[in-house]
Amino acid sequence: MGARAERGMSAPPEVVFSTATDPDRVSAWLPEPLRVDGGQRPQTSAEQLRARWSSDSAPGWSAEIQVEPADAGGSRVRLDLAGDGADGLADETLANLAREVADNLTAG
């Protein structure tokens, strides 16, 4: 009941990680069972650009991202997603994050 997806993004790793862990943006890209109402924050390692979310209200659901530098100043993001029904959501979840990153870049 888990899925893994990887995707390149044309933003620096720090911007991708910051966007992914921004409490005001997380509900726009994480699957519904992992969205929190301002309570639970992800476990993060800013040095490793890694974050992990889990849900007390939806047992078995978790998401972990790892952001790494890529060519030309971009990033490579790996998502491990677990939960009942998560199999088809990993690619869609990363596409949602990519949209949030693009919005963050154009807003900033």
N, C-alpha and C. Protein backbone atom coordinates (compact mmCIF):
# COMPACT_ATOMS: atom_id res chain seq x y z
N MET A 1 0.82 -1.19 0.00
CA MET A 1 0.00 0.00 0.00
C MET A 1 0.86 1.25 0.00
N GLY A 2 1.88 1.25 -0.81
CA GLY A 2 2.74 2.41 -0.89
C GLY A 2 3.16 2.66 -2.31
N ALA A 3 3.61 3.86 -2.53
CA ALA A 3 4.04 4.24 -3.88
C ALA A 3 5.21 5.20 -3.76
N ARG A 4 6.03 5.17 -4.79
CA ARG A 4 7.17 6.08 -4.87
C ARG A 4 7.10 6.78 -6.22
N ALA A 5 7.43 8.07 -6.19
CA ALA A 5 7.49 8.85 -7.42
C ALA A 5 8.68 9.79 -7.32
N GLU A 6 9.24 10.12 -8.47
CA GLU A 6 10.32 11.11 -8.55
C GLU A 6 10.00 12.09 -9.65
N ARG A 7 10.46 13.32 -9.45
CA ARG A 7 10.16 14.37 -10.42
C ARG A 7 11.23 15.45 -10.33
N GLY A 8 11.59 15.97 -11.47
CA GLY A 8 12.48 17.12 -11.52
C GLY A 8 11.67 18.40 -11.42
N MET A 9 12.26 19.41 -10.84
CA MET A 9 11.61 20.73 -10.74
C MET A 9 12.66 21.79 -11.05
N SER A 10 12.22 22.84 -11.71
CA SER A 10 13.15 23.90 -12.13
C SER A 10 13.22 25.02 -11.10
N ALA A 11 13.48 24.63 -9.86
CA ALA A 11 13.66 25.58 -8.76
C ALA A 11 14.76 25.03 -7.87
N PRO A 12 15.48 25.90 -7.19
CA PRO A 12 16.54 25.43 -6.29
C PRO A 12 15.97 24.52 -5.20
N PRO A 13 16.76 23.57 -4.72
CA PRO A 13 16.27 22.63 -3.70
C PRO A 13 15.71 23.31 -2.46
N GLU A 14 16.33 24.39 -2.02
CA GLU A 14 15.85 25.08 -0.83
C GLU A 14 14.46 25.67 -1.03
N VAL A 15 14.18 26.15 -2.24
CA VAL A 15 12.85 26.71 -2.54
C VAL A 15 11.81 25.59 -2.55
N VAL A 16 12.16 24.46 -3.15
CA VAL A 16 11.22 23.33 -3.19
C VAL A 16 10.92 22.85 -1.78
N PHE A 17 11.96 22.68 -0.96
CA PHE A 17 11.78 22.20 0.40
C PHE A 17 10.97 23.19 1.23
N SER A 18 11.28 24.46 1.11
CA SER A 18 10.56 25.50 1.84
C SER A 18 9.08 25.52 1.46
N THR A 19 8.80 25.39 0.17
CA THR A 19 7.41 25.36 -0.29
C THR A 19 6.69 24.12 0.23
N ALA A 20 7.36 22.98 0.15
CA ALA A 20 6.74 21.73 0.58
C ALA A 20 6.39 21.74 2.06
N THR A 21 7.19 22.40 2.87
CA THR A 21 6.97 22.38 4.32
C THR A 21 6.25 23.63 4.84
N ASP A 22 5.89 24.54 3.95
CA ASP A 22 5.16 25.75 4.34
C ASP A 22 3.74 25.38 4.79
N PRO A 23 3.39 25.66 6.05
CA PRO A 23 2.05 25.29 6.54
C PRO A 23 0.92 25.90 5.73
N ASP A 24 1.14 27.03 5.09
CA ASP A 24 0.10 27.66 4.28
C ASP A 24 -0.06 27.00 2.91
N ARG A 25 0.89 26.18 2.50
CA ARG A 25 0.85 25.56 1.18
C ARG A 25 0.64 24.04 1.22
N VAL A 26 0.88 23.44 2.35
CA VAL A 26 0.87 21.98 2.42
C VAL A 26 -0.49 21.38 2.05
N SER A 27 -1.56 22.04 2.40
CA SER A 27 -2.89 21.49 2.08
C SER A 27 -3.19 21.49 0.59
N ALA A 28 -2.43 22.26 -0.17
CA ALA A 28 -2.65 22.30 -1.62
C ALA A 28 -1.99 21.14 -2.35
N TRP A 29 -1.07 20.44 -1.70
CA TRP A 29 -0.40 19.38 -2.44
C TRP A 29 -0.42 18.00 -1.77
N LEU A 30 -0.52 17.93 -0.44
CA LEU A 30 -0.57 16.62 0.21
C LEU A 30 -1.94 15.97 0.02
N PRO A 31 -1.99 14.65 -0.04
CA PRO A 31 -3.30 13.96 -0.12
C PRO A 31 -4.15 14.27 1.11
N GLU A 32 -5.43 14.22 0.93
CA GLU A 32 -6.40 14.57 1.98
C GLU A 32 -6.11 13.93 3.34
N PRO A 33 -5.81 12.63 3.43
CA PRO A 33 -5.60 12.03 4.76
C PRO A 33 -4.42 12.63 5.54
N LEU A 34 -3.52 13.32 4.86
CA LEU A 34 -2.35 13.89 5.53
C LEU A 34 -2.45 15.39 5.78
N ARG A 35 -3.52 15.98 5.32
CA ARG A 35 -3.69 17.42 5.55
C ARG A 35 -4.06 17.65 7.01
N VAL A 36 -3.41 18.63 7.59
CA VAL A 36 -3.66 18.92 9.00
C VAL A 36 -4.22 20.32 9.14
N ASP A 37 -4.93 20.53 10.21
CA ASP A 37 -5.55 21.83 10.45
C ASP A 37 -4.70 22.66 11.40
N GLY A 38 -3.48 22.95 10.98
CA GLY A 38 -2.60 23.79 11.77
C GLY A 38 -2.00 23.11 12.98
N GLY A 39 -2.28 21.82 13.18
CA GLY A 39 -1.77 21.13 14.35
C GLY A 39 -0.43 20.46 14.10
N GLN A 40 -0.48 19.33 13.48
CA GLN A 40 0.71 18.50 13.32
C GLN A 40 1.63 19.04 12.22
N ARG A 41 2.88 19.18 12.55
CA ARG A 41 3.90 19.64 11.60
C ARG A 41 4.71 18.43 11.14
N PRO A 42 5.35 18.53 9.99
CA PRO A 42 6.17 17.40 9.56
C PRO A 42 7.44 17.30 10.39
N GLN A 43 7.96 16.11 10.45
CA GLN A 43 9.31 15.93 11.00
C GLN A 43 10.25 16.33 9.89
N THR A 44 11.18 17.23 10.16
CA THR A 44 12.05 17.71 9.09
C THR A 44 13.52 17.62 9.47
N SER A 45 14.31 17.52 8.43
CA SER A 45 15.75 17.66 8.53
C SER A 45 16.13 18.66 7.45
N ALA A 46 16.24 19.93 7.83
CA ALA A 46 16.53 20.98 6.86
C ALA A 46 17.90 20.76 6.21
N GLU A 47 18.85 20.22 6.97
CA GLU A 47 20.18 19.98 6.41
C GLU A 47 20.14 18.95 5.29
N GLN A 48 19.29 17.94 5.44
CA GLN A 48 19.17 16.87 4.44
C GLN A 48 18.03 17.13 3.45
N LEU A 49 17.31 18.22 3.64
CA LEU A 49 16.14 18.56 2.82
C LEU A 49 15.18 17.37 2.74
N ARG A 50 14.83 16.87 3.91
CA ARG A 50 13.94 15.72 4.04
C ARG A 50 12.82 16.09 5.01
N ALA A 51 11.60 15.67 4.69
CA ALA A 51 10.46 15.91 5.57
C ALA A 51 9.54 14.69 5.55
N ARG A 52 8.88 14.44 6.68
CA ARG A 52 7.97 13.31 6.80
C ARG A 52 6.70 13.74 7.52
N TRP A 53 5.57 13.38 6.92
CA TRP A 53 4.26 13.64 7.50
C TRP A 53 3.61 12.31 7.84
N SER A 54 2.84 12.28 8.91
CA SER A 54 2.01 11.12 9.24
C SER A 54 0.70 11.67 9.79
N SER A 55 -0.26 10.77 9.96
CA SER A 55 -1.58 11.22 10.39
C SER A 55 -2.08 10.39 11.56
N ASP A 56 -2.49 11.07 12.63
CA ASP A 56 -3.11 10.38 13.75
C ASP A 56 -4.55 10.01 13.41
N SER A 57 -5.19 10.81 12.57
CA SER A 57 -6.60 10.57 12.24
C SER A 57 -6.78 9.57 11.10
N ALA A 58 -5.72 9.30 10.34
CA ALA A 58 -5.77 8.32 9.25
C ALA A 58 -4.58 7.37 9.41
N PRO A 59 -4.69 6.41 10.33
CA PRO A 59 -3.57 5.51 10.59
C PRO A 59 -3.08 4.81 9.32
N GLY A 60 -1.78 4.67 9.24
CA GLY A 60 -1.19 4.01 8.07
C GLY A 60 -0.77 4.97 6.97
N TRP A 61 -1.24 6.22 7.04
CA TRP A 61 -0.88 7.19 6.02
C TRP A 61 0.40 7.92 6.41
N SER A 62 1.31 8.04 5.45
CA SER A 62 2.52 8.83 5.66
C SER A 62 3.05 9.28 4.30
N ALA A 63 3.83 10.34 4.34
CA ALA A 63 4.51 10.84 3.14
C ALA A 63 5.89 11.30 3.57
N GLU A 64 6.87 11.00 2.73
CA GLU A 64 8.22 11.48 2.99
C GLU A 64 8.80 11.99 1.68
N ILE A 65 9.37 13.20 1.75
CA ILE A 65 10.04 13.74 0.58
C ILE A 65 11.52 13.92 0.88
N GLN A 66 12.30 13.78 -0.18
CA GLN A 66 13.74 14.05 -0.16
C GLN A 66 14.01 14.93 -1.38
N VAL A 67 14.59 16.11 -1.14
CA VAL A 67 14.88 17.04 -2.23
C VAL A 67 16.39 17.08 -2.41
N GLU A 68 16.83 16.95 -3.66
CA GLU A 68 18.26 16.96 -3.98
C GLU A 68 18.53 17.91 -5.12
N PRO A 69 19.74 18.45 -5.17
CA PRO A 69 20.10 19.33 -6.29
C PRO A 69 20.12 18.54 -7.61
N ALA A 70 19.80 19.24 -8.68
CA ALA A 70 19.85 18.66 -10.02
C ALA A 70 20.58 19.65 -10.94
N ASP A 71 20.76 19.26 -12.17
CA ASP A 71 21.46 20.11 -13.14
C ASP A 71 20.78 21.46 -13.31
N ALA A 72 21.56 22.43 -13.68
CA ALA A 72 21.09 23.77 -14.03
C ALA A 72 20.33 24.47 -12.90
N GLY A 73 20.70 24.17 -11.65
CA GLY A 73 20.09 24.85 -10.52
C GLY A 73 18.72 24.34 -10.12
N GLY A 74 18.28 23.25 -10.73
CA GLY A 74 16.98 22.69 -10.40
C GLY A 74 17.06 21.69 -9.26
N SER A 75 15.99 20.92 -9.11
CA SER A 75 15.88 19.96 -8.02
C SER A 75 15.33 18.64 -8.52
N ARG A 76 15.59 17.61 -7.76
CA ARG A 76 14.99 16.30 -7.97
C ARG A 76 14.29 15.96 -6.66
N VAL A 77 13.01 15.62 -6.73
CA VAL A 77 12.22 15.32 -5.54
C VAL A 77 11.76 13.88 -5.59
N ARG A 78 12.00 13.16 -4.51
CA ARG A 78 11.49 11.79 -4.37
C ARG A 78 10.42 11.80 -3.29
N LEU A 79 9.30 11.17 -3.59
CA LEU A 79 8.19 11.05 -2.64
C LEU A 79 7.90 9.59 -2.39
N ASP A 80 7.87 9.21 -1.12
CA ASP A 80 7.38 7.90 -0.70
C ASP A 80 6.07 8.14 0.00
N LEU A 81 5.01 7.55 -0.52
CA LEU A 81 3.66 7.77 -0.02
C LEU A 81 3.07 6.43 0.41
N ALA A 82 2.52 6.37 1.61
CA ALA A 82 1.91 5.13 2.11
C ALA A 82 0.53 5.43 2.65
N GLY A 83 -0.36 4.47 2.46
CA GLY A 83 -1.72 4.59 2.97
C GLY A 83 -2.66 3.78 2.12
N ASP A 84 -3.83 3.52 2.64
CA ASP A 84 -4.83 2.77 1.91
C ASP A 84 -5.31 3.60 0.72
N GLY A 85 -4.98 3.17 -0.48
CA GLY A 85 -5.36 3.91 -1.68
C GLY A 85 -4.27 4.83 -2.19
N ALA A 86 -3.08 4.76 -1.62
CA ALA A 86 -1.98 5.67 -2.01
C ALA A 86 -1.34 5.29 -3.34
N ASP A 87 -1.57 4.08 -3.82
CA ASP A 87 -0.87 3.59 -5.01
C ASP A 87 -0.95 4.53 -6.21
N GLY A 88 -2.09 5.09 -6.49
CA GLY A 88 -2.23 5.95 -7.66
C GLY A 88 -2.00 7.43 -7.41
N LEU A 89 -1.62 7.79 -6.19
CA LEU A 89 -1.55 9.21 -5.83
C LEU A 89 -0.16 9.84 -5.87
N ALA A 90 0.90 9.07 -5.92
CA ALA A 90 2.24 9.63 -5.78
C ALA A 90 2.57 10.62 -6.90
N ASP A 91 2.32 10.24 -8.15
CA ASP A 91 2.62 11.15 -9.27
C ASP A 91 1.76 12.41 -9.20
N GLU A 92 0.49 12.25 -8.89
CA GLU A 92 -0.42 13.40 -8.77
C GLU A 92 0.02 14.33 -7.63
N THR A 93 0.46 13.74 -6.53
CA THR A 93 0.91 14.53 -5.38
C THR A 93 2.12 15.37 -5.74
N LEU A 94 3.09 14.78 -6.47
CA LEU A 94 4.26 15.56 -6.88
C LEU A 94 3.90 16.62 -7.92
N ALA A 95 2.94 16.34 -8.78
CA ALA A 95 2.48 17.36 -9.73
C ALA A 95 1.86 18.53 -8.98
N ASN A 96 1.11 18.25 -7.92
CA ASN A 96 0.54 19.32 -7.10
C ASN A 96 1.63 20.14 -6.43
N LEU A 97 2.68 19.47 -5.92
CA LEU A 97 3.79 20.19 -5.32
C LEU A 97 4.49 21.06 -6.36
N ALA A 98 4.68 20.54 -7.56
CA ALA A 98 5.33 21.32 -8.62
C ALA A 98 4.55 22.59 -8.93
N ARG A 99 3.22 22.51 -8.93
CA ARG A 99 2.39 23.71 -9.14
C ARG A 99 2.58 24.71 -8.02
N GLU A 100 2.64 24.23 -6.78
CA GLU A 100 2.86 25.13 -5.65
C GLU A 100 4.23 25.79 -5.72
N VAL A 101 5.24 25.05 -6.12
CA VAL A 101 6.58 25.61 -6.26
C VAL A 101 6.58 26.69 -7.34
N ALA A 102 5.94 26.43 -8.48
CA ALA A 102 5.86 27.41 -9.56
C ALA A 102 5.11 28.66 -9.09
N ASP A 103 4.02 28.48 -8.37
CA ASP A 103 3.27 29.63 -7.82
C ASP A 103 4.14 30.43 -6.85
N ASN A 104 4.90 29.72 -6.03
CA ASN A 104 5.77 30.38 -5.06
C ASN A 104 6.84 31.21 -5.77
N LEU A 105 7.38 30.68 -6.85
CA LEU A 105 8.41 31.42 -7.60
C LEU A 105 7.84 32.66 -8.28
N THR A 106 6.65 32.55 -8.84
CA THR A 106 6.08 33.70 -9.54
C THR A 106 5.53 34.74 -8.56
N ALA A 107 5.18 34.31 -7.35
CA ALA A 107 4.68 35.25 -6.34
C ALA A 107 5.80 36.00 -5.66
N GLY A 108 7.00 35.39 -5.68
CA GLY A 108 8.07 35.94 -4.88
C GLY A 108 8.97 36.88 -5.56
